[in-house]
């Protein structure tokens, strides 16, 4: 029998899909790690089953009323009574995510997937959690299962998860197996990156794609796609140009590749350099390099940040932000005291009332052993007091510096009071919550992408500060030289 042409095409497509599924299943059999033993099934309508169902309903009602504490308690009761209550695990996962309890959310999503093996959302979130937890083989297993689920989605949505799968496979050591997924997915995404317009629908799609890839630690791919959008896509809104430039810089920082950041900024038209934080109008190139330096510094690439600050100063020797930040970096390291002093003094002359610059100047005065005012100008104590008064909210790091200066100047009682204040500020829940909100806004509003939990950024900013302050207070009360001195 002759097969009609259209039927032949359809059968060919089915054959391709079948071959793909066979390949995926064979790979899953190799990649899948040892599974946990299945929980004991609770008999239907048994006392435990009914208690679990009742608690799950109570949790859902409490969640709708925003009684999150009771909802959390109820969901936990539900899964304790019946570990296979998928609805309760879903509620617990949803609530834990809302409360930023990352570990509980990851555990709940994993358990949800054990109860409901076809839950695609649970597969995606479990894969993301596995990558963040440095378990790439588990992530690959979840994402292969997602492919086998046959999700009805656009080719771009499928490609983003195939890039994530390739990244997980490559990291887990399945390098050759990763290549086919990566090659096909990159072709799809690069085509869309170059041709998709900058309208609202595509903006939303690309925000989702880039964030998904960041969550899977596919930083190089995100950088390449953001650069393609910036350079080739028909973008009209200035905010789009700012977003993709910022995302590319953030990815460079995650990869400690300041050279790529410099190359990108140099390639842009000097009349149209925009970052998301300042997208309403073009930025002077010197300010763009200084802003890029800040991004690299925040994400731990301090050496790269220093090089970007130096480039900003080549373009404008009076860039006060670059002068201050580079000067402070040099002051903290060995062998650059003279250069650091010139930079910080110059920054202070340009912005004499900037709290951050005053803090750097006060720290410089301490290194110079100029603790009190003299004929040559104000000493460390005066400068650091002014910095702490001008800042919008009390800053525990500035207060630590002021306490150190007071101690070295001989005013030990004031030093102890200042350290106690710094510790009180740092320990206050309102300070932490406000700082977390600022770090959250920085990622969403300034960077255009989330690269890590805000708690991790907070910890990197204030790491060891509480211990230093307690040690200083203990040493001070014992009459010893404070640890941080």
Protein backbone atom coordinates (compact mmCIF):
# COMPACT_ATOMS: atom_id res chain seq x y z
CA UNK A 1 0.00 0.00 0.00
CA UNK A 2 1.27 3.45 -0.86
CA UNK A 3 1.56 5.77 2.14
CA UNK A 4 0.29 9.32 1.46
CA UNK A 5 3.00 11.98 1.54
CA UNK A 6 1.61 13.75 4.63
CA UNK A 7 1.35 10.45 6.49
CA UNK A 8 4.97 9.67 5.63
CA UNK A 9 6.13 12.94 7.15
CA UNK A 10 4.06 12.29 10.26
CA UNK A 11 5.45 8.78 10.64
CA UNK A 12 8.97 10.16 10.20
CA UNK A 13 8.39 12.64 13.00
CA UNK A 14 7.07 9.87 15.24
CA UNK A 15 10.17 7.83 14.44
CA UNK A 16 12.47 10.70 15.39
CA UNK A 17 10.58 11.25 18.63
CA UNK A 18 10.75 7.52 19.40
CA UNK A 19 14.50 7.42 18.74
CA UNK A 20 14.96 10.43 21.01
CA UNK A 21 12.94 8.80 23.76
CA UNK A 22 14.95 5.58 23.47
CA UNK A 23 18.19 7.56 23.70
CA UNK A 24 16.90 9.51 26.70
CA UNK A 25 15.77 6.38 28.52
CA UNK A 26 19.09 4.63 27.92
CA UNK A 27 20.93 7.66 29.25
CA UNK A 28 18.65 7.88 32.27
CA UNK A 29 19.43 4.27 33.11
CA UNK A 30 23.12 5.19 33.21
CA UNK A 31 22.81 8.53 34.96
CA UNK A 32 20.16 7.79 37.59
CA UNK A 33 21.67 7.51 41.05
CA UNK A 34 20.52 5.06 43.68
CA UNK A 35 16.97 5.87 44.69
CA UNK A 36 15.71 6.11 48.24
CA UNK A 37 13.43 3.34 49.52
CA UNK A 38 9.78 4.10 48.92
CA UNK A 39 7.85 5.18 52.03
CA UNK A 40 5.29 2.78 53.43
CA UNK A 41 1.94 3.31 51.75
CA UNK A 42 -0.76 4.42 54.18
CA UNK A 43 -4.01 2.50 53.59
CA UNK A 44 -6.82 4.49 52.00
CA UNK A 45 -9.32 5.88 54.54
CA UNK A 46 -7.23 4.60 57.44
CA UNK A 47 -6.90 6.78 60.54
CA UNK A 48 -3.50 8.08 59.40
CA UNK A 49 -4.77 8.76 55.89
CA UNK A 50 -7.73 10.78 57.17
CA UNK A 51 -5.56 12.66 59.67
CA UNK A 52 -3.13 13.56 56.87
CA UNK A 53 -5.92 14.74 54.57
CA UNK A 54 -7.47 16.81 57.36
CA UNK A 55 -4.15 18.46 58.21
CA UNK A 56 -3.46 19.21 54.56
CA UNK A 57 -6.82 20.98 54.19
CA UNK A 58 -6.20 22.94 57.39
CA UNK A 59 -2.80 23.97 56.07
CA UNK A 60 -4.24 25.16 52.77
CA UNK A 61 -6.96 27.19 54.50
CA UNK A 62 -4.41 28.74 56.86
CA UNK A 63 -2.12 29.58 53.93
CA UNK A 64 -4.97 31.37 52.16
CA UNK A 65 -5.55 33.41 55.31
CA UNK A 66 -1.80 34.22 55.45
CA UNK A 67 -1.40 32.34 58.74
CA UNK A 68 1.88 30.92 57.54
CA UNK A 69 3.08 29.57 60.88
CA UNK A 70 -0.01 27.42 61.39
CA UNK A 71 0.01 26.40 57.71
CA UNK A 72 3.59 25.18 58.01
CA UNK A 73 2.72 23.21 61.16
CA UNK A 74 -0.32 21.65 59.49
CA UNK A 75 1.54 20.63 56.32
CA UNK A 76 4.27 19.01 58.41
CA UNK A 77 1.65 17.09 60.37
CA UNK A 78 0.10 15.94 57.09
CA UNK A 79 3.31 14.49 55.65
CA UNK A 80 4.26 12.90 58.97
CA UNK A 81 0.91 11.07 59.01
CA UNK A 82 1.14 10.08 55.34
CA UNK A 83 4.53 10.51 53.58
CA UNK A 84 2.77 9.95 50.24
CA UNK A 85 0.43 12.93 50.59
CA UNK A 86 1.58 14.74 47.46
CA UNK A 87 -0.75 17.72 48.00
CA UNK A 88 0.73 18.32 51.45
CA UNK A 89 4.29 18.13 50.10
CA UNK A 90 3.29 20.62 47.41
CA UNK A 91 1.91 23.00 50.02
CA UNK A 92 5.03 22.60 52.15
CA UNK A 93 7.26 23.23 49.14
CA UNK A 94 5.27 26.30 48.15
CA UNK A 95 5.30 27.71 51.68
CA UNK A 96 8.99 27.00 52.28
CA UNK A 97 9.84 28.78 49.02
CA UNK A 98 7.74 31.76 50.09
CA UNK A 99 9.60 31.87 53.42
CA UNK A 100 13.04 31.49 51.74
CA UNK A 101 13.72 28.20 53.53
CA UNK A 102 15.80 26.79 50.69
CA UNK A 103 16.66 23.44 52.26
CA UNK A 104 13.11 22.64 53.30
CA UNK A 105 11.76 23.69 49.90
CA UNK A 106 14.24 21.45 48.07
CA UNK A 107 13.39 18.50 50.32
CA UNK A 108 9.65 19.07 49.90
CA UNK A 109 9.87 19.27 46.10
CA UNK A 110 11.90 16.07 46.00
CA UNK A 111 9.30 14.30 48.13
CA UNK A 112 6.53 15.72 45.98
CA UNK A 113 8.20 14.17 42.96
CA UNK A 114 8.36 10.78 44.68
CA UNK A 115 4.62 10.97 45.26
CA UNK A 116 3.78 12.41 41.84
CA UNK A 117 6.43 11.19 39.35
CA UNK A 118 4.85 13.12 36.45
CA UNK A 119 4.94 16.55 38.13
CA UNK A 120 7.06 18.55 35.68
CA UNK A 121 7.35 21.56 37.98
CA UNK A 122 8.76 19.30 40.70
CA UNK A 123 11.28 17.90 38.21
CA UNK A 124 12.43 21.41 37.23
CA UNK A 125 12.75 22.71 40.78
CA UNK A 126 14.43 19.51 42.01
CA UNK A 127 16.95 19.80 39.16
CA UNK A 128 17.67 23.41 40.05
CA UNK A 129 18.10 22.55 43.73
CA UNK A 130 20.43 19.67 42.82
CA UNK A 131 22.68 21.96 40.76
CA UNK A 132 22.80 24.54 43.54
CA UNK A 133 23.67 21.73 45.96
CA UNK A 134 26.51 20.52 43.68
CA UNK A 135 24.69 17.30 42.69
CA UNK A 136 24.85 17.56 38.87
CA UNK A 137 24.15 13.86 38.27
CA UNK A 138 20.89 14.11 40.20
CA UNK A 139 20.04 17.28 38.25
CA UNK A 140 20.67 15.48 34.96
CA UNK A 141 18.43 12.62 36.05
CA UNK A 142 15.56 14.99 36.83
CA UNK A 143 15.95 16.79 33.50
CA UNK A 144 16.06 13.58 31.45
CA UNK A 145 12.84 12.55 33.16
CA UNK A 146 11.42 15.91 32.16
CA UNK A 147 12.25 15.21 28.50
CA UNK A 148 10.63 11.80 28.74
CA UNK A 149 7.46 13.40 30.15
CA UNK A 150 6.80 14.92 26.71
CA UNK A 151 6.00 18.45 27.87
CA UNK A 152 3.92 20.48 25.40
CA UNK A 153 6.02 23.66 25.10
CA UNK A 154 7.71 26.00 22.65
CA UNK A 155 11.05 25.09 21.11
CA UNK A 156 12.71 27.89 23.07
CA UNK A 157 11.34 26.61 26.39
CA UNK A 158 12.50 23.09 25.54
CA UNK A 159 15.93 24.39 24.50
CA UNK A 160 16.53 26.20 27.79
CA UNK A 161 16.06 22.94 29.70
CA UNK A 162 18.24 21.02 27.23
CA UNK A 163 21.03 23.56 27.84
CA UNK A 164 20.55 22.95 31.56
CA UNK A 165 20.66 19.19 30.96
CA UNK A 166 23.87 19.51 28.95
CA UNK A 167 25.44 21.59 31.71
CA UNK A 168 24.48 19.02 34.34
CA UNK A 169 25.76 16.10 32.25
CA UNK A 170 29.03 17.86 31.48
CA UNK A 171 29.61 18.74 35.14
CA UNK A 172 28.81 15.17 36.17
CA UNK A 173 31.42 13.78 33.75
CA UNK A 174 29.12 12.72 30.89
CA UNK A 175 30.87 15.06 28.45
CA UNK A 176 30.19 13.25 25.17
CA UNK A 177 26.57 12.62 26.13
CA UNK A 178 26.06 16.34 26.78
CA UNK A 179 27.16 17.54 23.34
CA UNK A 180 24.10 16.62 21.23
CA UNK A 181 21.71 18.30 23.66
CA UNK A 182 23.91 21.39 23.90
CA UNK A 183 24.51 21.83 20.17
CA UNK A 184 20.86 21.61 19.15
CA UNK A 185 19.65 23.79 22.02
CA UNK A 186 22.24 26.52 21.41
CA UNK A 187 21.25 26.78 17.74
CA UNK A 188 17.63 27.31 18.73
CA UNK A 189 18.37 29.86 21.47
CA UNK A 190 20.92 31.84 19.48
CA UNK A 191 18.47 32.12 16.58
CA UNK A 192 15.77 33.48 18.87
CA UNK A 193 18.24 35.73 20.69
CA UNK A 194 19.17 37.43 17.43
CA UNK A 195 15.65 37.71 15.97
CA UNK A 196 13.07 37.98 18.76
CA UNK A 197 11.78 41.56 19.11
CA UNK A 198 11.84 43.45 22.38
CA UNK A 199 8.09 43.49 22.98
CA UNK A 200 6.52 42.61 26.32
CA UNK A 201 5.84 38.97 25.47
CA UNK A 202 9.37 38.24 24.31
CA UNK A 203 10.86 40.26 27.18
CA UNK A 204 9.02 38.02 29.63
CA UNK A 205 10.12 34.88 27.75
CA UNK A 206 13.76 35.93 27.77
CA UNK A 207 13.74 36.90 31.43
CA UNK A 208 12.50 33.39 32.21
CA UNK A 209 15.00 31.67 29.90
CA UNK A 210 18.01 33.54 31.27
CA UNK A 211 16.98 33.03 34.89
CA UNK A 212 16.43 29.31 34.30
CA UNK A 213 19.90 28.96 32.82
CA UNK A 214 21.47 30.95 35.65
CA UNK A 215 19.78 28.66 38.16
CA UNK A 216 21.45 25.75 36.36
CA UNK A 217 24.83 27.55 36.49
CA UNK A 218 25.05 27.82 32.69
CA UNK A 219 26.82 31.17 33.05
CA UNK A 220 28.74 31.09 29.76
CA UNK A 221 25.55 30.37 27.83
CA UNK A 222 23.68 33.18 29.57
CA UNK A 223 26.49 35.62 28.81
CA UNK A 224 26.55 34.64 25.13
CA UNK A 225 22.77 34.91 24.79
CA UNK A 226 22.61 38.27 26.58
CA UNK A 227 25.40 39.60 24.34
CA UNK A 228 23.57 38.39 21.22
CA UNK A 229 20.35 40.06 22.37
CA UNK A 230 22.24 43.29 23.06
CA UNK A 231 24.14 43.35 19.76
CA UNK A 232 21.76 41.81 17.20
CA UNK A 233 18.16 41.77 18.43
CA UNK A 234 15.74 44.50 17.27
CA UNK A 235 15.46 46.16 20.71
CA UNK A 236 13.72 49.50 21.02
CA UNK A 237 13.25 50.01 24.75
CA UNK A 238 16.33 51.41 26.54
CA UNK A 239 15.56 49.17 29.50
CA UNK A 240 16.11 46.09 27.35
CA UNK A 241 19.58 47.24 26.35
CA UNK A 242 20.36 47.99 29.98
CA UNK A 243 19.10 44.61 31.14
CA UNK A 244 21.14 42.52 28.70
CA UNK A 245 24.29 44.55 29.27
CA UNK A 246 23.89 44.13 33.04
CA UNK A 247 23.20 40.40 32.77
CA UNK A 248 26.33 39.94 30.65
CA UNK A 249 28.45 41.82 33.22
CA UNK A 250 27.03 39.75 36.07
CA UNK A 251 27.84 36.54 34.23
CA UNK A 252 31.38 37.79 33.60
CA UNK A 253 31.71 38.41 37.32
CA UNK A 254 30.47 34.91 38.15
CA UNK A 255 33.13 33.60 35.74
CA UNK A 256 35.80 36.02 37.07
CA UNK A 257 36.23 37.29 33.51
CA UNK A 258 36.71 41.04 33.75
CA UNK A 259 38.42 41.06 30.34
CA UNK A 260 35.13 40.03 28.74
CA UNK A 261 33.35 42.85 30.59
CA UNK A 262 35.91 45.37 29.36
CA UNK A 263 35.64 44.08 25.78
CA UNK A 264 31.85 44.33 25.82
CA UNK A 265 31.81 47.87 27.22
CA UNK A 266 34.46 48.97 24.70
CA UNK A 267 32.37 47.52 21.85
CA UNK A 268 29.26 49.52 22.70
CA UNK A 269 28.53 52.88 21.14
CA UNK A 270 29.79 55.40 23.67
CA UNK A 271 26.58 57.38 23.14
CA UNK A 272 24.37 54.45 24.12
CA UNK A 273 25.98 52.60 27.01
CA UNK A 274 23.22 51.63 29.40
CA UNK A 275 23.00 49.37 32.43
CA UNK A 276 19.73 48.31 33.99
CA UNK A 277 20.28 50.46 37.07
CA UNK A 278 20.65 53.60 34.93
CA UNK A 279 18.87 52.65 31.71
CA UNK A 280 16.86 55.88 31.30
CA UNK A 281 19.84 57.70 29.85
CA UNK A 282 23.24 56.71 28.42
CA UNK A 283 26.14 56.42 30.88
CA UNK A 284 29.56 57.95 30.42
CA UNK A 285 31.99 55.09 29.69
CA UNK A 286 33.96 55.82 32.87
CA UNK A 287 30.82 55.34 34.99
CA UNK A 288 29.99 52.11 33.18
CA UNK A 289 33.44 50.70 33.95
CA UNK A 290 33.12 51.77 37.59
CA UNK A 291 29.67 50.14 37.82
CA UNK A 292 31.08 46.97 36.26
CA UNK A 293 33.83 47.04 38.86
CA UNK A 294 31.21 47.17 41.60
CA UNK A 295 29.44 44.11 40.17
CA UNK A 296 32.68 42.13 40.01
CA UNK A 297 33.65 43.21 43.53
CA UNK A 298 30.27 42.24 44.99
CA UNK A 299 30.52 38.78 43.42
CA UNK A 300 34.04 38.14 44.70
CA UNK A 301 36.25 39.00 41.72
CA UNK A 302 38.18 41.77 43.48
CA UNK A 303 41.25 41.54 41.24
CA UNK A 304 39.05 41.95 38.18
CA UNK A 305 37.16 44.79 39.85
CA UNK A 306 40.45 46.61 40.44
CA UNK A 307 41.33 46.36 36.75
CA UNK A 308 37.91 47.74 35.77
CA UNK A 309 38.29 50.62 38.24
CA UNK A 310 41.69 51.41 36.71
CA UNK A 311 40.11 51.50 33.26
CA UNK A 312 37.47 53.90 34.58
CA UNK A 313 40.24 56.15 35.88
CA UNK A 314 42.05 56.03 32.54
CA UNK A 315 38.89 57.49 31.01
CA UNK A 316 38.35 60.00 33.82
CA UNK A 317 40.98 60.47 36.56
CA UNK A 318 38.33 62.24 38.67
CA UNK A 319 35.86 59.35 38.89
CA UNK A 320 35.29 59.51 42.65
CA UNK A 321 33.66 56.09 42.94
CA UNK A 322 36.56 54.34 41.17
CA UNK A 323 39.11 56.35 43.16
CA UNK A 324 37.55 55.43 46.48
CA UNK A 325 36.86 51.76 45.76
CA UNK A 326 40.22 51.06 44.16
CA UNK A 327 41.99 53.00 46.88
CA UNK A 328 40.24 50.97 49.58
CA UNK A 329 41.14 47.68 47.83
CA UNK A 330 44.79 48.75 47.63
CA UNK A 331 44.79 49.85 51.26
CA UNK A 332 43.59 46.40 52.32
CA UNK A 333 46.39 44.69 50.36
CA UNK A 334 50.17 44.80 50.73
CA UNK A 335 52.58 47.25 49.15
CA UNK A 336 50.26 49.91 47.73
CA UNK A 337 49.84 52.30 50.67
CA UNK A 338 51.17 55.37 48.85
CA UNK A 339 49.02 54.83 45.76
CA UNK A 340 45.97 54.08 47.91
CA UNK A 341 46.50 57.27 49.93
CA UNK A 342 46.63 59.42 46.78
CA UNK A 343 43.41 57.88 45.44
CA UNK A 344 41.43 58.15 48.68
CA UNK A 345 42.57 61.72 49.35
CA UNK A 346 41.57 62.66 45.79
CA UNK A 347 38.15 61.00 46.16
CA UNK A 348 37.58 62.89 49.43
CA UNK A 349 38.41 66.21 47.76
CA UNK A 350 35.77 65.46 45.10
CA UNK A 351 32.98 64.19 47.40
CA UNK A 352 33.81 65.42 50.92
CA UNK A 353 30.45 64.37 52.41
CA UNK A 354 30.16 60.87 50.95
CA UNK A 355 29.97 58.39 53.88
CA UNK A 356 31.75 55.54 52.07
CA UNK A 357 34.62 57.83 51.04
CA UNK A 358 34.88 59.20 54.59
CA UNK A 359 35.03 55.64 55.92
CA UNK A 360 37.91 54.89 53.53
CA UNK A 361 39.66 58.10 54.56
CA UNK A 362 39.23 57.24 58.24
CA UNK A 363 40.69 53.77 57.64
CA UNK A 364 43.60 55.42 55.78
CA UNK A 365 44.19 57.79 58.71
CA UNK A 366 44.39 54.78 61.02
CA UNK A 367 47.02 53.16 58.78
CA UNK A 368 48.93 56.45 58.88
CA UNK A 369 48.61 56.51 62.69
CA UNK A 370 46.84 59.89 62.46
CA UNK A 371 44.16 59.16 65.05
CA UNK A 372 43.33 62.67 66.30
CA UNK A 373 43.12 66.05 64.59
CA UNK A 374 46.35 67.92 64.00
CA UNK A 375 47.65 70.82 61.95
CA UNK A 376 47.50 68.76 58.77
CA UNK A 377 43.79 67.99 59.09
CA UNK A 378 41.18 65.79 60.79
CA UNK A 379 42.25 62.47 62.24
CA UNK A 380 40.65 59.04 62.02
CA UNK A 381 38.25 59.54 64.93
CA UNK A 382 36.78 62.77 63.55
CA UNK A 383 36.49 61.43 60.02
CA UNK A 384 34.88 58.13 61.06
CA UNK A 385 32.44 59.87 63.38
CA UNK A 386 31.36 62.07 60.50
CA UNK A 387 30.95 59.03 58.22
CA UNK A 388 28.73 57.24 60.75
CA UNK A 389 26.56 60.35 61.18
CA UNK A 390 26.09 61.02 57.48
CA UNK A 391 25.10 57.48 56.48
CA UNK A 392 21.35 56.99 56.11
CA UNK A 393 21.22 54.04 58.52
CA UNK A 394 23.72 52.85 61.08
CA UNK A 395 26.36 50.73 59.37
CA UNK A 396 28.01 48.10 61.61
CA UNK A 397 31.22 48.04 59.54
CA UNK A 398 31.65 51.81 59.83
CA UNK A 399 30.95 51.55 63.55
CA UNK A 400 33.57 48.82 63.88
CA UNK A 401 36.11 51.10 62.21
CA UNK A 402 35.14 53.97 64.51
CA UNK A 403 35.46 51.73 67.57
CA UNK A 404 38.92 50.63 66.45
CA UNK A 405 40.00 54.26 66.00
CA UNK A 406 38.64 55.26 69.41
CA UNK A 407 40.45 52.38 71.10
CA UNK A 408 43.77 53.22 69.47
CA UNK A 409 43.33 56.89 70.40
CA UNK A 410 43.00 55.89 74.06
CA UNK A 411 39.24 56.43 74.48
CA UNK A 412 38.57 52.83 75.51
CA UNK A 413 35.16 53.45 77.08
CA UNK A 414 33.82 55.07 73.89
CA UNK A 415 35.34 52.29 71.83
CA UNK A 416 33.48 49.63 73.81
CA UNK A 417 30.21 51.56 73.52
CA UNK A 418 30.69 51.86 69.75
CA UNK A 419 31.46 48.16 69.33
CA UNK A 420 28.39 47.29 71.41
CA UNK A 421 26.29 49.54 69.17
CA UNK A 422 27.77 47.89 66.05
CA UNK A 423 26.95 44.44 67.43
CA UNK A 424 23.43 45.56 68.39
CA UNK A 425 22.80 46.93 64.89
CA UNK A 426 24.16 43.78 63.25
CA UNK A 427 22.09 41.53 65.52
CA UNK A 428 18.82 43.42 65.11
CA UNK A 429 16.30 41.61 62.88
CA UNK A 430 15.21 44.88 61.24
CA UNK A 431 18.75 45.57 60.02
CA UNK A 432 19.04 42.10 58.52
CA UNK A 433 15.61 42.29 56.86
CA UNK A 434 16.31 45.73 55.41
CA UNK A 435 19.68 44.62 54.07
CA UNK A 436 18.18 41.49 52.54
CA UNK A 437 15.55 43.63 50.80
CA UNK A 438 18.27 45.87 49.37
CA UNK A 439 20.26 42.88 48.13
CA UNK A 440 17.10 41.42 46.62
CA UNK A 441 16.36 44.69 44.81
CA UNK A 442 19.97 44.84 43.60
CA UNK A 443 19.64 41.49 41.84
CA UNK A 444 16.18 42.06 40.39
CA UNK A 445 16.35 45.79 39.59
CA UNK A 446 20.05 46.46 38.98
CA UNK A 447 21.41 43.18 37.65
CA UNK A 448 18.33 41.79 35.88
CA UNK A 449 18.98 38.26 37.12
CA UNK A 450 19.31 36.39 40.42
CA UNK A 451 22.64 34.61 40.81
CA UNK A 452 22.50 33.46 44.43
CA UNK A 453 20.28 33.57 47.52
CA UNK A 454 20.29 36.99 49.14
CA UNK A 455 21.41 35.38 52.40
CA UNK A 456 24.64 34.30 50.68
CA UNK A 457 25.33 37.88 49.56
CA UNK A 458 24.55 39.10 53.08
CA UNK A 459 26.90 36.55 54.62
CA UNK A 460 29.75 37.50 52.26
CA UNK A 461 29.31 41.18 53.15
CA UNK A 462 29.29 40.72 56.92
CA UNK A 463 31.24 37.47 57.28
CA UNK A 464 33.14 37.35 60.58
CA UNK A 465 32.02 40.80 61.72
CA UNK A 466 30.00 39.63 64.73
CA UNK A 467 32.87 37.39 65.90
CA UNK A 468 35.37 40.25 65.55
CA UNK A 469 33.16 42.61 67.53
CA UNK A 470 32.64 40.07 70.34
CA UNK A 471 36.38 39.38 70.43
CA UNK A 472 37.13 43.12 70.59
CA UNK A 473 34.70 43.57 73.46
CA UNK A 474 36.09 40.58 75.32
CA UNK A 475 39.69 41.71 74.82
CA UNK A 476 38.77 45.27 75.73
CA UNK A 477 37.12 44.23 78.98
CA UNK A 478 40.13 42.07 79.82
CA UNK A 479 42.52 44.94 79.14
CA UNK A 480 44.14 43.28 76.11
CA UNK A 481 44.70 44.78 72.68
CA UNK A 482 41.53 44.14 70.60
CA UNK A 483 41.75 41.42 67.99
CA UNK A 484 40.87 43.67 65.03
CA UNK A 485 43.41 46.29 65.97
